[in-house]
Amino acid sequence: MLDELIASVARAAGLSPDQARLAVEAMLRFFTARLPSAWVGELHARLHERPAAAPGPEARS
């Protein structure tokens, strides 16, 4: 998901991928310094998680 965010920032702002990565990293540092730890942990977990496979029929209820 982090790569998707970087690509989206690059497209929206007309930046190179390297510039967008720097912008996203700066934003994450800002959030880390100012948001509650639990929120920052959740944000980082969601940005760095791998897409999960669709659950099988046994997982649905």
PDB file of N, CA and C in Angstrom:
ATOM      1  N   MET A   1       0.813  -1.182   0.000  1.00  0.00           N
ATOM      2  CA  MET A   1       0.000   0.000   0.000  1.00  0.00           C
ATOM      3  C   MET A   1       0.867   1.261   0.000  1.00  0.00           C
ATOM      4  N   LEU A   2       2.034   1.196   0.612  1.00  0.00           N
ATOM      5  CA  LEU A   2       2.922   2.348   0.639  1.00  0.00           C
ATOM      6  C   LEU A   2       3.324   2.743  -0.783  1.00  0.00           C
ATOM      7  N   ASP A   3       3.621   1.761  -1.615  1.00  0.00           N
ATOM      8  CA  ASP A   3       3.995   2.060  -2.999  1.00  0.00           C
ATOM      9  C   ASP A   3       2.838   2.710  -3.756  1.00  0.00           C
ATOM     10  N   GLU A   4       1.611   2.281  -3.449  1.00  0.00           N
ATOM     11  CA  GLU A   4       0.438   2.896  -4.080  1.00  0.00           C
ATOM     12  C   GLU A   4       0.297   4.357  -3.655  1.00  0.00           C
ATOM     13  N   LEU A   5       0.536   4.630  -2.378  1.00  0.00           N
ATOM     14  CA  LEU A   5       0.466   6.002  -1.882  1.00  0.00           C
ATOM     15  C   LEU A   5       1.511   6.876  -2.563  1.00  0.00           C
ATOM     16  N   ILE A   6       2.714   6.373  -2.676  1.00  0.00           N
ATOM     17  CA  ILE A   6       3.795   7.131  -3.322  1.00  0.00           C
ATOM     18  C   ILE A   6       3.449   7.405  -4.779  1.00  0.00           C
ATOM     19  N   ALA A   7       2.937   6.400  -5.484  1.00  0.00           N
ATOM     20  CA  ALA A   7       2.554   6.586  -6.885  1.00  0.00           C
ATOM     21  C   ALA A   7       1.430   7.609  -7.010  1.00  0.00           C
ATOM     22  N   SER A   8       0.475   7.568  -6.095  1.00  0.00           N
ATOM     23  CA  SER A   8      -0.639   8.511  -6.124  1.00  0.00           C
ATOM     24  C   SER A   8      -0.157   9.940  -5.872  1.00  0.00           C
ATOM     25  N   VAL A   9       0.741  10.110  -4.919  1.00  0.00           N
ATOM     26  CA  VAL A   9       1.305  11.434  -4.642  1.00  0.00           C
ATOM     27  C   VAL A   9       2.085  11.928  -5.857  1.00  0.00           C
ATOM     28  N   ALA A  10       2.845  11.049  -6.481  1.00  0.00           N
ATOM     29  CA  ALA A  10       3.617  11.440  -7.666  1.00  0.00           C
ATOM     30  C   ALA A  10       2.698  11.921  -8.781  1.00  0.00           C
ATOM     31  N   ARG A  11       1.625  11.175  -9.026  1.00  0.00           N
ATOM     32  CA  ARG A  11       0.673  11.570 -10.077  1.00  0.00           C
ATOM     33  C   ARG A  11      -0.032  12.886  -9.739  1.00  0.00           C
ATOM     34  N   ALA A  12      -0.544  12.971  -8.522  1.00  0.00           N
ATOM     35  CA  ALA A  12      -1.348  14.128  -8.128  1.00  0.00           C
ATOM     36  C   ALA A  12      -0.524  15.417  -8.084  1.00  0.00           C
ATOM     37  N   ALA A  13       0.724  15.302  -7.654  1.00  0.00           N
ATOM     38  CA  ALA A  13       1.553  16.497  -7.493  1.00  0.00           C
ATOM     39  C   ALA A  13       2.508  16.719  -8.655  1.00  0.00           C
ATOM     40  N   GLY A  14       2.523  15.800  -9.610  1.00  0.00           N
ATOM     41  CA  GLY A  14       3.431  15.941 -10.741  1.00  0.00           C
ATOM     42  C   GLY A  14       4.888  15.800 -10.329  1.00  0.00           C
ATOM     43  N   LEU A  15       5.149  14.881  -9.399  1.00  0.00           N
ATOM     44  CA  LEU A  15       6.504  14.674  -8.895  1.00  0.00           C
ATOM     45  C   LEU A  15       7.094  13.392  -9.473  1.00  0.00           C
ATOM     46  N   SER A  16       8.403  13.301  -9.415  1.00  0.00           N
ATOM     47  CA  SER A  16       9.053  12.034  -9.760  1.00  0.00           C
ATOM     48  C   SER A  16       8.786  11.058  -8.620  1.00  0.00           C
ATOM     49  N   PRO A  17       8.918   9.770  -8.879  1.00  0.00           N
ATOM     50  CA  PRO A  17       8.725   8.802  -7.790  1.00  0.00           C
ATOM     51  C   PRO A  17       9.648   9.043  -6.592  1.00  0.00           C
ATOM     52  N   ASP A  18      10.888   9.451  -6.854  1.00  0.00           N
ATOM     53  CA  ASP A  18      11.817   9.730  -5.748  1.00  0.00           C
ATOM     54  C   ASP A  18      11.355  10.935  -4.927  1.00  0.00           C
ATOM     55  N   GLN A  19      10.891  11.978  -5.599  1.00  0.00           N
ATOM     56  CA  GLN A  19      10.391  13.146  -4.891  1.00  0.00           C
ATOM     57  C   GLN A  19       9.139  12.807  -4.087  1.00  0.00           C
ATOM     58  N   ALA A  20       8.266  11.997  -4.670  1.00  0.00           N
ATOM     59  CA  ALA A  20       7.045  11.593  -3.973  1.00  0.00           C
ATOM     60  C   ALA A  20       7.381  10.751  -2.753  1.00  0.00           C
ATOM     61  N   ARG A  21       8.359   9.861  -2.874  1.00  0.00           N
ATOM     62  CA  ARG A  21       8.776   9.039  -1.731  1.00  0.00           C
ATOM     63  C   ARG A  21       9.275   9.937  -0.601  1.00  0.00           C
ATOM     64  N   LEU A  22      10.062  10.948  -0.932  1.00  0.00           N
ATOM     65  CA  LEU A  22      10.547  11.882   0.091  1.00  0.00           C
ATOM     66  C   LEU A  22       9.387  12.628   0.751  1.00  0.00           C
ATOM     67  N   ALA A  23       8.413  13.022  -0.044  1.00  0.00           N
ATOM     68  CA  ALA A  23       7.248  13.729   0.493  1.00  0.00           C
ATOM     69  C   ALA A  23       6.446  12.828   1.435  1.00  0.00           C
ATOM     70  N   VAL A  24       6.233  11.597   1.049  1.00  0.00           N
ATOM     71  CA  VAL A  24       5.490  10.652   1.887  1.00  0.00           C
ATOM     72  C   VAL A  24       6.271  10.365   3.168  1.00  0.00           C
ATOM     73  N   GLU A  25       7.571  10.176   3.060  1.00  0.00           N
ATOM     74  CA  GLU A  25       8.385   9.940   4.249  1.00  0.00           C
ATOM     75  C   GLU A  25       8.322  11.126   5.200  1.00  0.00           C
ATOM     76  N   ALA A  26       8.333  12.350   4.671  1.00  0.00           N
ATOM     77  CA  ALA A  26       8.217  13.546   5.513  1.00  0.00           C
ATOM     78  C   ALA A  26       6.863  13.586   6.204  1.00  0.00           C
ATOM     79  N   MET A  27       5.824  13.247   5.482  1.00  0.00           N
ATOM     80  CA  MET A  27       4.486  13.214   6.064  1.00  0.00           C
ATOM     81  C   MET A  27       4.414  12.189   7.197  1.00  0.00           C
ATOM     82  N   LEU A  28       4.991  11.010   6.981  1.00  0.00           N
ATOM     83  CA  LEU A  28       4.979   9.977   8.015  1.00  0.00           C
ATOM     84  C   LEU A  28       5.777  10.408   9.244  1.00  0.00           C
ATOM     85  N   ARG A  29       6.896  11.099   9.043  1.00  0.00           N
ATOM     86  CA  ARG A  29       7.662  11.621  10.189  1.00  0.00           C
ATOM     87  C   ARG A  29       6.833  12.645  10.954  1.00  0.00           C
ATOM     88  N   PHE A  30       6.117  13.511  10.237  1.00  0.00           N
ATOM     89  CA  PHE A  30       5.256  14.507  10.863  1.00  0.00           C
ATOM     90  C   PHE A  30       4.182  13.829  11.708  1.00  0.00           C
ATOM     91  N   PHE A  31       3.498  12.835  11.119  1.00  0.00           N
ATOM     92  CA  PHE A  31       2.457  12.123  11.854  1.00  0.00           C
ATOM     93  C   PHE A  31       3.038  11.406  13.068  1.00  0.00           C
ATOM     94  N   THR A  32       4.201  10.790  12.907  1.00  0.00           N
ATOM     95  CA  THR A  32       4.835  10.066  14.003  1.00  0.00           C
ATOM     96  C   THR A  32       5.124  10.998  15.178  1.00  0.00           C
ATOM     97  N   ALA A  33       5.518  12.215  14.881  1.00  0.00           N
ATOM     98  CA  ALA A  33       5.852  13.176  15.934  1.00  0.00           C
ATOM     99  C   ALA A  33       4.616  13.770  16.602  1.00  0.00           C
ATOM    100  N   ARG A  34       3.468  13.764  15.922  1.00  0.00           N
ATOM    101  CA  ARG A  34       2.330  14.516  16.440  1.00  0.00           C
ATOM    102  C   ARG A  34       1.080  13.711  16.772  1.00  0.00           C
ATOM    103  N   LEU A  35       0.952  12.509  16.257  1.00  0.00           N
ATOM    104  CA  LEU A  35      -0.243  11.709  16.521  1.00  0.00           C
ATOM    105  C   LEU A  35       0.005  10.737  17.671  1.00  0.00           C
ATOM    106  N   PRO A  36      -1.060  10.282  18.323  1.00  0.00           N
ATOM    107  CA  PRO A  36      -0.893   9.265  19.373  1.00  0.00           C
ATOM    108  C   PRO A  36      -0.223   8.012  18.815  1.00  0.00           C
ATOM    109  N   SER A  37       0.573   7.384  19.655  1.00  0.00           N
ATOM    110  CA  SER A  37       1.347   6.205  19.239  1.00  0.00           C
ATOM    111  C   SER A  37       0.489   5.110  18.624  1.00  0.00           C
ATOM    112  N   ALA A  38      -0.675   4.864  19.202  1.00  0.00           N
ATOM    113  CA  ALA A  38      -1.540   3.810  18.675  1.00  0.00           C
ATOM    114  C   ALA A  38      -1.947   4.103  17.237  1.00  0.00           C
ATOM    115  N   TRP A  39      -2.241   5.355  16.949  1.00  0.00           N
ATOM    116  CA  TRP A  39      -2.634   5.731  15.582  1.00  0.00           C
ATOM    117  C   TRP A  39      -1.468   5.565  14.632  1.00  0.00           C
ATOM    118  N   VAL A  40      -0.292   5.990  15.062  1.00  0.00           N
ATOM    119  CA  VAL A  40       0.896   5.881  14.216  1.00  0.00           C
ATOM    120  C   VAL A  40       1.211   4.416  13.946  1.00  0.00           C
ATOM    121  N   GLY A  41       1.115   3.580  14.968  1.00  0.00           N
ATOM    122  CA  GLY A  41       1.354   2.157  14.783  1.00  0.00           C
ATOM    123  C   GLY A  41       0.386   1.552  13.791  1.00  0.00           C
ATOM    124  N   GLU A  42      -0.887   1.918  13.905  1.00  0.00           N
ATOM    125  CA  GLU A  42      -1.905   1.414  12.980  1.00  0.00           C
ATOM    126  C   GLU A  42      -1.621   1.903  11.554  1.00  0.00           C
ATOM    127  N   LEU A  43      -1.258   3.160  11.407  1.00  0.00           N
ATOM    128  CA  LEU A  43      -0.947   3.720  10.094  1.00  0.00           C
ATOM    129  C   LEU A  43       0.212   2.982   9.447  1.00  0.00           C
ATOM    130  N   HIS A  44       1.285   2.796  10.193  1.00  0.00           N
ATOM    131  CA  HIS A  44       2.450   2.094   9.651  1.00  0.00           C
ATOM    132  C   HIS A  44       2.113   0.642   9.318  1.00  0.00           C
ATOM    133  N   ALA A  45       1.343   0.004  10.179  1.00  0.00           N
ATOM    134  CA  ALA A  45       0.959  -1.388   9.924  1.00  0.00           C
ATOM    135  C   ALA A  45       0.162  -1.493   8.632  1.00  0.00           C
ATOM    136  N   ARG A  46      -0.778  -0.580   8.436  1.00  0.00           N
ATOM    137  CA  ARG A  46      -1.605  -0.637   7.231  1.00  0.00           C
ATOM    138  C   ARG A  46      -0.812  -0.283   5.973  1.00  0.00           C
ATOM    139  N   LEU A  47       0.107   0.653   6.069  1.00  0.00           N
ATOM    140  CA  LEU A  47       0.885   1.044   4.898  1.00  0.00           C
ATOM    141  C   LEU A  47       1.884  -0.036   4.482  1.00  0.00           C
ATOM    142  N   HIS A  48       2.366  -0.805   5.440  1.00  0.00           N
ATOM    143  CA  HIS A  48       3.401  -1.788   5.130  1.00  0.00           C
ATOM    144  C   HIS A  48       2.866  -3.198   5.001  1.00  0.00           C
ATOM    145  N   GLU A  49       1.562  -3.385   5.162  1.00  0.00           N
ATOM    146  CA  GLU A  49       1.024  -4.743   5.068  1.00  0.00           C
ATOM    147  C   GLU A  49       0.934  -5.182   3.617  1.00  0.00           C
ATOM    148  N   ARG A  50       1.034  -6.453   3.446  1.00  0.00           N
ATOM    149  CA  ARG A  50       0.873  -7.037   2.116  1.00  0.00           C
ATOM    150  C   ARG A  50      -0.610  -7.263   1.886  1.00  0.00           C
ATOM    151  N   PRO A  51      -1.092  -7.132   0.648  1.00  0.00           N
ATOM    152  CA  PRO A  51      -2.496  -7.427   0.408  1.00  0.00           C
ATOM    153  C   PRO A  51      -2.806  -8.876   0.774  1.00  0.00           C
ATOM    154  N   ALA A  52      -3.854  -9.055   1.514  1.00  0.00           N
ATOM    155  CA  ALA A  52      -4.234 -10.399   1.934  1.00  0.00           C
ATOM    156  C   ALA A  52      -5.003 -11.084   0.827  1.00  0.00           C
ATOM    157  N   ALA A  53      -4.864 -12.375   0.761  1.00  0.00           N
ATOM    158  CA  ALA A  53      -5.658 -13.159  -0.198  1.00  0.00           C
ATOM    159  C   ALA A  53      -7.108 -13.116   0.254  1.00  0.00           C
ATOM    160  N   ALA A  54      -8.002 -13.249  -0.681  1.00  0.00           N
ATOM    161  CA  ALA A  54      -9.423 -13.264  -0.339  1.00  0.00           C
ATOM    162  C   ALA A  54      -9.709 -14.454   0.566  1.00  0.00           C
ATOM    163  N   PRO A  55     -10.509 -14.234   1.619  1.00  0.00           N
ATOM    164  CA  PRO A  55     -10.812 -15.353   2.513  1.00  0.00           C
ATOM    165  C   PRO A  55     -11.607 -16.432   1.804  1.00  0.00           C
ATOM    166  N   GLY A  56     -11.346 -17.656   2.199  1.00  0.00           N
ATOM    167  CA  GLY A  56     -12.077 -18.789   1.633  1.00  0.00           C
ATOM    168  C   GLY A  56     -13.492 -18.837   2.182  1.00  0.00           C
ATOM    169  N   PRO A  57     -14.306 -19.730   1.655  1.00  0.00           N
ATOM    170  CA  PRO A  57     -15.712 -19.818   2.097  1.00  0.00           C
ATOM    171  C   PRO A  57     -15.835 -20.140   3.575  1.00  0.00           C
ATOM    172  N   GLU A  58     -14.855 -20.854   4.149  1.00  0.00           N
ATOM    173  CA  GLU A  58     -14.947 -21.195   5.565  1.00  0.00           C
ATOM    174  C   GLU A  58     -14.761 -19.991   6.464  1.00  0.00           C
ATOM    175  N   ALA A  59     -14.149 -18.906   5.963  1.00  0.00           N
ATOM    176  CA  ALA A  59     -13.937 -17.704   6.758  1.00  0.00           C
ATOM    177  C   ALA A  59     -15.178 -16.824   6.782  1.00  0.00           C
ATOM    178  N   ARG A  60     -16.079 -17.040   5.844  1.00  0.00           N
ATOM    179  CA  ARG A  60     -17.286 -16.217   5.796  1.00  0.00           C
ATOM    180  C   ARG A  60     -18.369 -16.845   6.650  1.00  0.00           C
ATOM    181  N   SER A  61     -19.175 -15.964   7.279  1.00  0.00           N
ATOM    182  CA  SER A  61     -20.290 -16.512   8.046  1.00  0.00           C
ATOM    183  C   SER A  61     -21.587 -15.846   7.681  1.00  0.00           C
TER     184      SER A  61
END
